[in-house]
Amino acid sequence: MIAREILHNSSYKYICVGFLDDDEEKFGWEVESAPILGPISELPKYVAETGAEEVLITVPSASGALVRRVSLLCDSADVIFRVLPSLFQVIHGDAMLTQVRDVRLEDLLRRSPIELDLDLISRFIVDKTVLVTGAGGSIGAEICCQVATFNPRKLVLLGHGENSIFDTYHDLYRCNPSCEEVTAIVDLRDKPRLAKVLEVHRPEIIFHAAAHKHVPLMEDNPCEAFANNVGSMLALAELAPAHGVEQVVLISTDKAVEPCNAMGASKAVCEVIAHLADRDNPGCRFIAVRFGNVLGSRGSVLELFKRQIERGGPVTITDERMERFFMTIPEAVELVLQAAAVGTGGEIFVLDMGQPLRIKDLAKMLIELSGYTVDEIPITYTGLRSGERLTERLFSSAEERLPSLHPQVMIARHNGAYPELWDVIHKLHEAAQGLETDKLAGLVKQIVPDSTWEPRGTAF
C-alpha cells in the first residue's frame, strides 16, 4: 500500500528503491516495480547499494523488538528511519503514508500486537450512548477516540477542565467525523449536576477515567485524593443504576494493590465500591480494569524526561533499582474495551502488562533516541519520594489470578468475602471532605486491610 501511494502520488517526493523482508521465498519478487532485495539483517548493505536516504518501517503490527532491531541497523547504516503507528491507528486512520512518522520511545517498547475481538467490542458499543468521565485526560481522550470508531449513538465527553475537553472534542473528528459528541463540564462530586447529565443523555455505558493520579501530590493532599476519587465513584455508584446505566467501567491502577500511598489507597477503595455497587444493583454492571503506567500520558515520567533532555539534562530518577510496568496508551485502551465487552459484573480485570521495565533503562533509551549519549545527558538519582516503592505488582496476596475470555486480560478474584462496608466508606469520604486527615488511614484499613498507607508530615 505504501509503495502504491509513492508510485501514484508525486507530491510525496519519494522513490521506492526496494523492500527488505525475512521471508526468503519473496526474494526477487517485485511489488509496484520495486524489488524485494533480501533480509532485514542486511539493511546496511542494501542502503549502500541503492543509495537509500530513508527507511520506512511499514509493519503496523511490528513489535518493540523488531523496531529496536531495525533502528540499530539504521543507526549503523547512518540512514534516517521512520515508522507506521500501531495497527489500530492505521486501521482507523487516514491514508497510510501520511501516518508514517519519526520513531518514538513507545515504538521501541511495543509488545506483540493485541488480538482484539472487534466484533464483540462493536456489538458492545454500536448504537449505544457512551459517557466518558475524565474525557480530557490522556486515557479518557483515547477511550473517546477508540469508542468513536465503533459508531456509538452518542458520545458524552465529561470533565472538569474545559480546555482539555475542548481539545478532545476537536480531536475526535479524525477518529470518526460522523460520531455525535456532546460535552459536559461537570465536577463529578456535584451530584445534582451529574444526575441532570445522566437524565438528559441516558448513557448505557460509562467509562470512569476521571481521577487524581499523581502520587507525590496526593501524598501532600490526601484529603483531596479521597474526596475526589472516592467521592466521584460514590456518586456514580448511587446515580448510574437510578438512571438506567447498563455498565460502569472503573479505570484503576496497579498502585491500588496493597497500597502504600494515598492515591493507590483511594483507588483501592474505588475498586471495593465497584464490587459492592455491582452486588447491590443487579440491573447495572460495575467492573474495574487495573493496569500500570502508560507511556506518554500527561505528567508521566516520559514527558518529564523529554523536558529534561530538551534542557540539556540531567535526567533525574529517584532510584536506579526502580522499575514499573509500562504500556502504550492505545494498547491499554484496546484492552480496556475488550475487558468491558466481556465483563459480566463485579470483576476486577487486570491487563497483561508484560515484564516490568527499569526506569533507568527507559531513560537511557530516550536519551539515545534523542540523539545523545548518557555522557552528554547524565542520569542522576534523587532518592525515593514519599509514597513511592521500588516495584509495583498487579495482584495482591489476597487475590487469585484467573483467566478471562481474552489471553491478555486476567481477573483478580478476592479470596475473602467483602463485609458490609458502605458505612465505613461514607465515613471515609466525610472525613476527607472535613479535612480530618488523622482519621483517614484507620478508615482505609477497615476497607482495604492490606493498606500500609499513613499520612506523612503536614498533609491536608
Protein backbone atom coordinates (compact mmCIF):
# COMPACT_ATOMS: atom_id res chain seq x y z
CA MET A 1 0.00 0.00 0.00
CA ILE A 2 2.84 2.40 0.83
CA ALA A 3 4.62 1.60 -2.44
CA ARG A 4 1.41 2.15 -4.40
CA GLU A 5 0.93 5.56 -2.78
CA ILE A 6 4.53 6.52 -3.56
CA LEU A 7 4.19 5.39 -7.18
CA HIS A 8 0.92 7.17 -7.89
CA ASN A 9 1.28 10.36 -5.82
CA SER A 10 4.19 12.51 -6.92
CA SER A 11 3.53 15.04 -4.15
CA TYR A 12 5.15 12.68 -1.65
CA LYS A 13 8.54 13.12 -3.38
CA TYR A 14 9.61 9.54 -2.62
CA ILE A 15 11.11 6.89 -4.86
CA CYS A 16 10.76 3.33 -3.57
CA VAL A 17 14.08 1.59 -4.26
CA GLY A 18 13.25 -1.75 -2.67
CA PHE A 19 11.87 -3.85 0.16
CA LEU A 20 13.50 -5.95 2.86
CA ASP A 21 11.70 -9.00 4.23
CA ASP A 22 12.79 -12.02 6.25
CA ASP A 23 10.69 -14.41 4.13
CA GLU A 24 13.26 -15.94 1.74
CA GLU A 25 10.55 -17.13 -0.66
CA LYS A 26 9.80 -13.49 -1.52
CA PHE A 27 13.36 -12.56 -2.51
CA GLY A 28 13.46 -11.36 -6.12
CA TRP A 29 9.76 -10.55 -6.33
CA GLU A 30 8.69 -7.09 -7.38
CA VAL A 31 5.99 -5.02 -5.67
CA GLU A 32 4.84 -1.89 -7.53
CA SER A 33 8.05 -2.06 -9.64
CA ALA A 34 10.31 -2.25 -6.57
CA PRO A 35 12.28 -5.45 -5.85
CA ILE A 36 12.30 -7.41 -2.59
CA LEU A 37 16.07 -7.30 -2.10
CA GLY A 38 16.80 -9.55 0.87
CA PRO A 39 16.56 -9.97 4.63
CA ILE A 40 16.30 -7.16 7.18
CA SER A 41 19.65 -8.16 8.69
CA GLU A 42 21.41 -6.94 5.50
CA LEU A 43 19.87 -3.47 5.68
CA PRO A 44 23.23 -1.60 5.77
CA LYS A 45 24.39 -3.43 2.63
CA TYR A 46 21.25 -2.60 0.65
CA VAL A 47 21.21 1.01 1.85
CA ALA A 48 24.72 1.38 0.41
CA GLU A 49 23.86 -0.43 -2.85
CA THR A 50 20.64 1.50 -3.56
CA GLY A 51 21.67 4.89 -2.19
CA ALA A 52 18.57 4.86 0.02
CA GLU A 53 18.21 8.02 2.10
CA GLU A 54 15.37 6.88 4.34
CA VAL A 55 13.97 3.63 5.72
CA LEU A 56 10.25 3.25 6.35
CA ILE A 57 9.22 0.55 8.82
CA THR A 58 5.90 -0.30 7.20
CA VAL A 59 4.83 -3.01 9.63
CA PRO A 60 1.92 -1.67 11.71
CA SER A 61 1.93 -4.84 13.80
CA ALA A 62 5.68 -4.55 14.47
CA SER A 63 6.75 -5.49 17.99
CA GLY A 64 9.07 -3.31 20.02
CA ALA A 65 11.83 -5.87 19.46
CA LEU A 66 11.53 -5.51 15.67
CA VAL A 67 11.53 -1.71 15.83
CA ARG A 68 14.61 -1.76 18.10
CA ARG A 69 16.35 -4.19 15.74
CA VAL A 70 15.67 -2.05 12.66
CA SER A 71 16.61 1.15 14.47
CA LEU A 72 20.03 -0.29 15.38
CA LEU A 73 20.62 -1.41 11.79
CA CYS A 74 19.63 2.05 10.54
CA ASP A 75 22.00 3.67 13.01
CA SER A 76 24.84 1.51 11.73
CA ALA A 77 23.91 2.42 8.14
CA ASP A 78 23.65 6.12 9.09
CA VAL A 79 20.20 6.41 7.50
CA ILE A 80 17.01 8.10 8.67
CA PHE A 81 14.21 5.76 9.68
CA ARG A 82 10.54 6.29 10.37
CA VAL A 83 7.65 4.05 11.36
CA LEU A 84 3.95 3.45 10.97
CA PRO A 85 1.90 3.77 14.16
CA SER A 86 0.10 0.82 15.75
CA LEU A 87 -2.21 -1.41 13.74
CA PHE A 88 -5.30 0.02 15.46
CA GLN A 89 -4.33 3.57 14.48
CA VAL A 90 -3.64 2.53 10.89
CA ILE A 91 -6.97 0.70 10.53
CA HIS A 92 -8.93 3.67 11.83
CA GLY A 93 -6.72 6.43 10.42
CA ASP A 94 -6.14 8.27 7.16
CA ALA A 95 -4.05 7.30 4.13
CA MET A 96 -1.18 5.19 5.33
CA LEU A 97 1.76 7.22 4.04
CA THR A 98 0.51 10.33 5.84
CA GLN A 99 0.81 8.37 9.09
CA VAL A 100 4.49 7.49 8.71
CA ARG A 101 6.33 9.41 11.43
CA ASP A 102 9.55 9.54 13.40
CA VAL A 103 10.19 6.62 15.74
CA ARG A 104 9.19 7.31 19.34
CA LEU A 105 10.09 5.55 22.55
CA GLU A 106 6.65 3.92 22.54
CA ASP A 107 7.57 2.14 19.30
CA LEU A 108 10.71 0.63 20.85
CA LEU A 109 8.61 -0.81 23.69
CA ARG A 110 5.74 -2.24 21.63
CA ARG A 111 4.78 -5.78 22.54
CA SER A 112 3.31 -8.32 20.17
CA PRO A 113 0.13 -6.92 18.60
CA ILE A 114 -3.03 -7.32 20.64
CA GLU A 115 -5.59 -9.59 19.01
CA LEU A 116 -8.93 -7.96 19.74
CA ASP A 117 -12.37 -9.44 19.30
CA LEU A 118 -13.53 -6.46 17.27
CA ASP A 119 -16.96 -7.97 16.59
CA LEU A 120 -17.58 -8.36 20.33
CA ILE A 121 -16.44 -4.80 21.08
CA SER A 122 -18.52 -3.46 18.21
CA ARG A 123 -21.67 -5.22 19.47
CA PHE A 124 -20.97 -3.83 22.93
CA ILE A 125 -20.70 -0.20 21.74
CA VAL A 126 -22.53 0.26 18.44
CA ASP A 127 -25.65 2.42 18.67
CA LYS A 128 -25.15 2.94 22.43
CA THR A 129 -24.78 6.26 24.23
CA VAL A 130 -21.38 6.17 25.93
CA LEU A 131 -20.22 8.64 28.60
CA VAL A 132 -16.54 9.03 29.41
CA THR A 133 -15.50 10.80 32.62
CA GLY A 134 -12.11 12.46 32.59
CA ALA A 135 -12.51 12.73 28.82
CA GLY A 136 -9.85 15.44 28.68
CA GLY A 137 -7.13 13.24 30.20
CA SER A 138 -4.75 11.00 28.28
CA ILE A 139 -6.62 7.75 28.93
CA GLY A 140 -10.06 9.35 28.73
CA ALA A 141 -9.30 11.01 25.39
CA GLU A 142 -8.02 7.74 23.92
CA ILE A 143 -11.12 5.90 25.18
CA CYS A 144 -13.24 8.54 23.41
CA CYS A 145 -11.31 8.11 20.17
CA GLN A 146 -11.46 4.32 20.13
CA VAL A 147 -15.11 4.21 21.21
CA ALA A 148 -15.97 6.67 18.42
CA THR A 149 -14.63 4.26 15.78
CA PHE A 150 -17.26 1.69 16.81
CA ASN A 151 -20.14 4.04 15.93
CA PRO A 152 -21.89 4.74 19.21
CA ARG A 153 -25.22 6.54 19.02
CA LYS A 154 -23.75 9.41 21.04
CA LEU A 155 -20.51 10.09 22.90
CA VAL A 156 -20.66 12.29 26.00
CA LEU A 157 -17.34 13.91 26.97
CA LEU A 158 -17.48 14.71 30.67
CA GLY A 159 -14.72 16.53 32.50
CA HIS A 160 -13.98 19.38 34.89
CA GLY A 161 -11.29 21.12 32.84
CA GLU A 162 -12.80 22.97 29.88
CA ASN A 163 -9.55 23.32 27.92
CA SER A 164 -8.78 19.61 27.91
CA ILE A 165 -12.38 18.73 26.98
CA PHE A 166 -12.15 21.29 24.17
CA ASP A 167 -9.04 19.52 22.84
CA THR A 168 -10.63 16.06 22.96
CA TYR A 169 -13.82 17.34 21.34
CA HIS A 170 -11.98 18.73 18.33
CA ASP A 171 -9.53 15.82 18.03
CA LEU A 172 -12.39 13.32 17.72
CA TYR A 173 -13.11 14.37 14.16
CA ARG A 174 -10.11 12.36 12.98
CA CYS A 175 -11.43 9.24 14.77
CA ASN A 176 -14.95 9.35 13.35
CA PRO A 177 -16.23 12.51 11.62
CA SER A 178 -19.85 11.32 11.82
CA CYS A 179 -19.91 10.50 15.55
CA GLU A 180 -22.32 12.66 17.55
CA GLU A 181 -20.44 14.07 20.50
CA VAL A 182 -21.56 16.38 23.29
CA THR A 183 -19.62 17.93 26.15
CA ALA A 184 -20.47 18.17 29.84
CA ILE A 185 -18.26 20.35 32.05
CA VAL A 186 -19.00 18.81 35.42
CA ASP A 187 -17.32 18.18 38.75
CA LEU A 188 -18.32 14.57 39.43
CA ARG A 189 -18.77 15.40 43.12
CA ASP A 190 -21.62 17.73 42.16
CA LYS A 191 -24.32 15.06 42.30
CA PRO A 192 -27.28 17.22 41.18
CA ARG A 193 -25.36 18.32 38.09
CA LEU A 194 -24.20 14.76 37.35
CA ALA A 195 -27.76 13.47 37.81
CA LYS A 196 -29.01 16.00 35.28
CA VAL A 197 -26.40 14.89 32.72
CA LEU A 198 -27.44 11.26 33.17
CA GLU A 199 -31.11 12.18 32.97
CA VAL A 200 -30.70 14.16 29.73
CA HIS A 201 -28.31 11.87 27.84
CA ARG A 202 -29.29 8.44 29.28
CA PRO A 203 -25.94 6.70 28.70
CA GLU A 204 -25.92 2.90 28.63
CA ILE A 205 -22.16 2.68 29.24
CA ILE A 206 -19.90 4.83 31.44
CA PHE A 207 -16.10 4.67 31.33
CA HIS A 208 -14.90 6.29 34.56
CA ALA A 209 -11.39 7.56 33.85
CA ALA A 210 -11.51 10.75 35.94
CA ALA A 211 -9.19 10.75 38.96
CA HIS A 212 -6.39 12.50 40.78
CA LYS A 213 -3.39 10.32 39.96
CA HIS A 214 -0.05 11.93 40.89
CA VAL A 215 1.41 10.02 43.84
CA PRO A 216 3.64 12.75 45.39
CA LEU A 217 0.95 15.42 45.02
CA MET A 218 -1.69 13.21 46.62
CA GLU A 219 0.70 12.44 49.50
CA ASP A 220 0.72 16.18 50.18
CA ASN A 221 -3.06 16.38 49.72
CA PRO A 222 -4.58 13.07 50.90
CA CYS A 223 -7.96 14.55 51.81
CA GLU A 224 -8.35 15.74 48.23
CA ALA A 225 -7.29 12.32 46.91
CA PHE A 226 -10.06 10.58 48.85
CA ALA A 227 -12.64 13.35 48.48
CA ASN A 228 -12.22 13.39 44.70
CA ASN A 229 -11.52 9.77 43.79
CA VAL A 230 -13.80 8.11 46.34
CA GLY A 231 -16.41 10.88 46.10
CA SER A 232 -16.78 10.60 42.33
CA MET A 233 -17.03 6.80 42.49
CA LEU A 234 -19.68 7.04 45.22
CA ALA A 235 -21.66 9.47 43.06
CA LEU A 236 -21.59 7.06 40.10
CA ALA A 237 -22.47 4.09 42.32
CA GLU A 238 -25.58 5.93 43.52
CA LEU A 239 -26.71 7.64 40.33
CA ALA A 240 -25.81 5.24 37.50
CA PRO A 241 -28.27 2.48 38.49
CA ALA A 242 -31.02 5.05 39.13
CA HIS A 243 -30.68 6.41 35.58
CA GLY A 244 -30.67 3.17 33.60
CA VAL A 245 -26.93 2.81 33.03
CA GLU A 246 -26.13 -0.75 31.99
CA GLN A 247 -22.40 -0.82 32.77
CA VAL A 248 -19.86 1.31 34.64
CA VAL A 249 -16.17 0.64 33.90
CA LEU A 250 -13.77 1.94 36.55
CA ILE A 251 -10.24 2.67 35.34
CA SER A 252 -8.00 1.55 38.21
CA THR A 253 -4.25 1.24 38.78
CA ASP A 254 -1.61 -1.21 39.98
CA LYS A 255 -0.98 1.22 42.83
CA ALA A 256 -4.28 0.02 44.32
CA VAL A 257 -2.61 -3.32 45.09
CA GLU A 258 -1.54 -3.44 48.75
CA PRO A 259 -1.46 0.39 48.62
CA CYS A 260 1.25 2.36 50.35
CA ASN A 261 0.22 5.84 49.18
CA ALA A 262 -2.91 7.96 49.26
CA MET A 263 -3.58 7.76 45.52
CA GLY A 264 -3.34 3.97 45.47
CA ALA A 265 -5.42 3.64 48.63
CA SER A 266 -8.14 5.86 47.21
CA LYS A 267 -8.32 3.73 44.05
CA ALA A 268 -8.36 0.52 46.12
CA VAL A 269 -11.41 1.90 47.91
CA CYS A 270 -12.94 2.67 44.50
CA GLU A 271 -12.47 -0.98 43.49
CA VAL A 272 -14.36 -2.02 46.63
CA ILE A 273 -17.15 0.46 45.83
CA ALA A 274 -17.43 -1.02 42.32
CA HIS A 275 -17.75 -4.52 43.78
CA LEU A 276 -20.39 -3.50 46.32
CA ALA A 277 -22.35 -1.44 43.77
CA ASP A 278 -22.42 -4.39 41.38
CA ARG A 279 -23.62 -6.69 44.16
CA ASP A 280 -26.40 -4.32 45.21
CA ASN A 281 -27.64 -3.31 41.74
CA PRO A 282 -28.48 -6.32 39.56
CA GLY A 283 -29.56 -4.11 36.66
CA CYS A 284 -26.25 -2.23 36.40
CA ARG A 285 -22.90 -3.97 35.98
CA PHE A 286 -19.83 -2.45 37.66
CA ILE A 287 -16.35 -3.67 36.71
CA ALA A 288 -12.83 -2.37 37.33
CA VAL A 289 -9.87 -2.53 34.95
CA ARG A 290 -6.45 -2.35 36.60
CA PHE A 291 -3.18 -1.60 34.82
CA GLY A 292 0.20 0.05 35.34
CA ASN A 293 1.88 3.12 33.89
CA VAL A 294 1.07 4.31 30.39
CA LEU A 295 3.72 5.89 28.21
CA GLY A 296 3.08 9.44 27.11
CA SER A 297 0.22 10.23 29.48
CA ARG A 298 0.05 13.78 30.77
CA GLY A 299 2.51 14.20 33.64
CA SER A 300 4.14 10.81 33.01
CA VAL A 301 7.82 10.15 33.64
CA LEU A 302 8.34 10.04 29.87
CA GLU A 303 7.16 13.63 29.46
CA LEU A 304 9.37 14.72 32.37
CA PHE A 305 12.42 13.04 30.82
CA LYS A 306 11.74 14.71 27.46
CA ARG A 307 11.69 18.15 29.06
CA GLN A 308 14.88 17.41 30.99
CA ILE A 309 16.64 16.24 27.81
CA GLU A 310 15.50 19.36 25.93
CA ARG A 311 17.08 21.47 28.69
CA GLY A 312 20.36 19.55 28.37
CA GLY A 313 19.90 17.30 31.38
CA PRO A 314 20.37 15.84 33.81
CA VAL A 315 17.60 13.24 33.71
CA THR A 316 16.51 12.62 37.29
CA ILE A 317 15.43 9.22 38.64
CA THR A 318 14.57 8.54 42.24
CA ASP A 319 16.40 5.19 42.47
CA GLU A 320 18.37 3.18 39.92
CA ARG A 321 16.56 -0.01 41.03
CA MET A 322 13.08 1.39 40.41
CA GLU A 323 11.01 -0.44 37.84
CA ARG A 324 7.45 -0.15 36.58
CA PHE A 325 5.00 -1.87 34.27
CA PHE A 326 4.53 0.12 31.07
CA MET A 327 2.07 0.03 28.22
CA THR A 328 1.27 2.50 25.46
CA ILE A 329 -1.97 4.42 25.75
CA PRO A 330 -3.59 2.80 22.66
CA GLU A 331 -2.64 -0.69 23.90
CA ALA A 332 -4.12 -0.05 27.34
CA VAL A 333 -7.37 1.31 25.96
CA GLU A 334 -7.76 -1.51 23.45
CA LEU A 335 -7.66 -3.96 26.36
CA VAL A 336 -9.96 -1.78 28.46
CA LEU A 337 -12.58 -2.02 25.70
CA GLN A 338 -12.03 -5.77 25.43
CA ALA A 339 -12.44 -6.21 29.20
CA ALA A 340 -15.56 -4.05 29.21
CA ALA A 341 -17.08 -6.10 26.40
CA VAL A 342 -16.57 -9.43 28.22
CA GLY A 343 -17.40 -8.18 31.73
CA THR A 344 -20.47 -9.67 33.38
CA GLY A 345 -20.24 -7.56 36.55
CA GLY A 346 -18.17 -7.50 39.73
CA GLU A 347 -14.84 -8.40 38.14
CA ILE A 348 -11.52 -6.68 38.59
CA PHE A 349 -9.83 -7.16 35.25
CA VAL A 350 -6.04 -6.90 35.18
CA LEU A 351 -4.26 -6.14 31.93
CA ASP A 352 -1.21 -8.18 30.95
CA MET A 353 1.50 -5.54 31.25
CA GLY A 354 4.37 -7.80 30.23
CA GLN A 355 7.61 -7.59 32.17
CA PRO A 356 8.41 -4.54 34.32
CA LEU A 357 10.96 -2.12 32.91
CA ARG A 358 13.70 -0.37 34.86
CA ILE A 359 13.19 3.38 34.80
CA LYS A 360 16.94 3.70 34.27
CA ASP A 361 16.72 1.70 31.03
CA LEU A 362 13.75 3.77 29.88
CA ALA A 363 15.76 6.96 30.42
CA LYS A 364 18.76 5.58 28.51
CA MET A 365 16.63 4.58 25.51
CA LEU A 366 15.01 8.02 25.40
CA ILE A 367 18.37 9.79 25.65
CA GLU A 368 19.77 7.70 22.78
CA LEU A 369 16.60 8.14 20.71
CA SER A 370 17.02 11.90 21.15
CA GLY A 371 20.49 11.66 19.58
CA TYR A 372 22.61 11.92 22.75
CA THR A 373 24.70 9.66 24.94
CA VAL A 374 24.49 9.30 28.71
CA ASP A 375 27.81 11.16 28.86
CA GLU A 376 26.17 14.16 27.20
CA ILE A 377 22.87 13.88 29.10
CA PRO A 378 23.72 12.36 32.50
CA ILE A 379 21.33 10.48 34.75
CA THR A 380 21.21 11.46 38.43
CA TYR A 381 19.45 9.76 41.33
CA THR A 382 17.45 11.79 43.85
CA GLY A 383 16.07 9.20 46.30
CA LEU A 384 12.59 7.75 46.76
CA ARG A 385 9.81 10.24 47.35
CA SER A 386 7.05 9.92 49.91
CA GLY A 387 4.60 7.16 48.98
CA GLU A 388 6.81 5.56 46.33
CA ARG A 389 8.08 1.99 46.23
CA LEU A 390 10.68 0.37 44.03
CA THR A 391 8.36 -2.08 42.32
CA GLU A 392 4.63 -2.40 41.69
CA ARG A 393 2.51 -5.52 41.48
CA LEU A 394 -0.71 -6.33 39.66
CA PHE A 395 -2.23 -8.78 42.16
CA SER A 396 -2.32 -8.71 45.94
CA SER A 397 -1.51 -11.73 48.09
CA ALA A 398 -5.23 -11.98 48.92
CA GLU A 399 -6.23 -12.28 45.26
CA GLU A 400 -6.45 -15.28 42.98
CA ARG A 401 -5.33 -14.85 39.37
CA LEU A 402 -7.92 -16.22 36.94
CA PRO A 403 -8.11 -16.25 33.12
CA SER A 404 -10.75 -14.31 31.20
CA LEU A 405 -12.05 -14.80 27.68
CA HIS A 406 -9.06 -12.81 26.35
CA PRO A 407 -5.48 -14.08 26.83
CA GLN A 408 -4.11 -10.61 27.65
CA VAL A 409 -6.78 -9.81 30.23
CA MET A 410 -6.83 -11.58 33.61
CA ILE A 411 -9.24 -11.46 36.54
CA ALA A 412 -8.26 -10.74 40.16
CA ARG A 413 -10.66 -12.57 42.48
CA HIS A 414 -10.51 -11.68 46.15
CA ASN A 415 -10.18 -14.79 48.28
CA GLY A 416 -12.24 -13.35 51.14
CA ALA A 417 -15.80 -12.07 51.32
CA TYR A 418 -16.38 -8.32 51.37
CA PRO A 419 -18.24 -7.37 54.56
CA GLU A 420 -20.85 -4.60 54.66
CA LEU A 421 -18.64 -1.57 54.16
CA TRP A 422 -20.90 1.22 52.92
CA ASP A 423 -20.99 2.99 56.30
CA VAL A 424 -17.20 2.94 56.61
CA ILE A 425 -16.75 4.19 53.03
CA HIS A 426 -19.13 7.08 53.67
CA LYS A 427 -17.29 7.92 56.91
CA LEU A 428 -14.02 7.95 54.97
CA HIS A 429 -15.50 10.31 52.39
CA GLU A 430 -16.89 12.60 55.08
CA ALA A 431 -13.53 12.68 56.89
CA ALA A 432 -11.80 13.62 53.65
CA GLN A 433 -14.32 16.36 52.96
CA GLY A 434 -13.89 17.63 56.51
CA LEU A 435 -10.06 17.64 56.24
CA GLU A 436 -9.83 15.16 59.12
CA THR A 437 -6.54 13.71 57.96
CA ASP A 438 -5.90 11.84 61.20
CA LYS A 439 -8.96 9.61 60.61
CA LEU A 440 -8.19 8.56 57.05
CA ALA A 441 -5.66 5.76 57.49
CA GLY A 442 -7.72 3.89 60.09
CA LEU A 443 -10.85 4.02 57.94
CA VAL A 444 -8.92 2.92 54.85
CA LYS A 445 -7.53 -0.05 56.80
CA GLN A 446 -11.07 -1.21 57.58
CA ILE A 447 -11.95 -1.17 53.88
CA VAL A 448 -8.60 -2.32 52.43
CA PRO A 449 -6.93 -4.48 55.13
CA ASP A 450 -3.61 -4.78 53.25
CA SER A 451 -3.17 -1.00 53.01
CA THR A 452 0.01 0.30 54.65
CA TRP A 453 -0.60 3.96 53.85
CA GLU A 454 -0.20 6.52 56.62
CA PRO A 455 -0.35 10.32 56.14
CA ARG A 456 3.08 11.92 56.41
CA GLY A 457 4.03 15.35 57.68
CA THR A 458 1.54 18.19 57.47
CA ALA A 459 -0.78 16.55 54.96
CA PHE A 460 -4.03 18.27 54.07
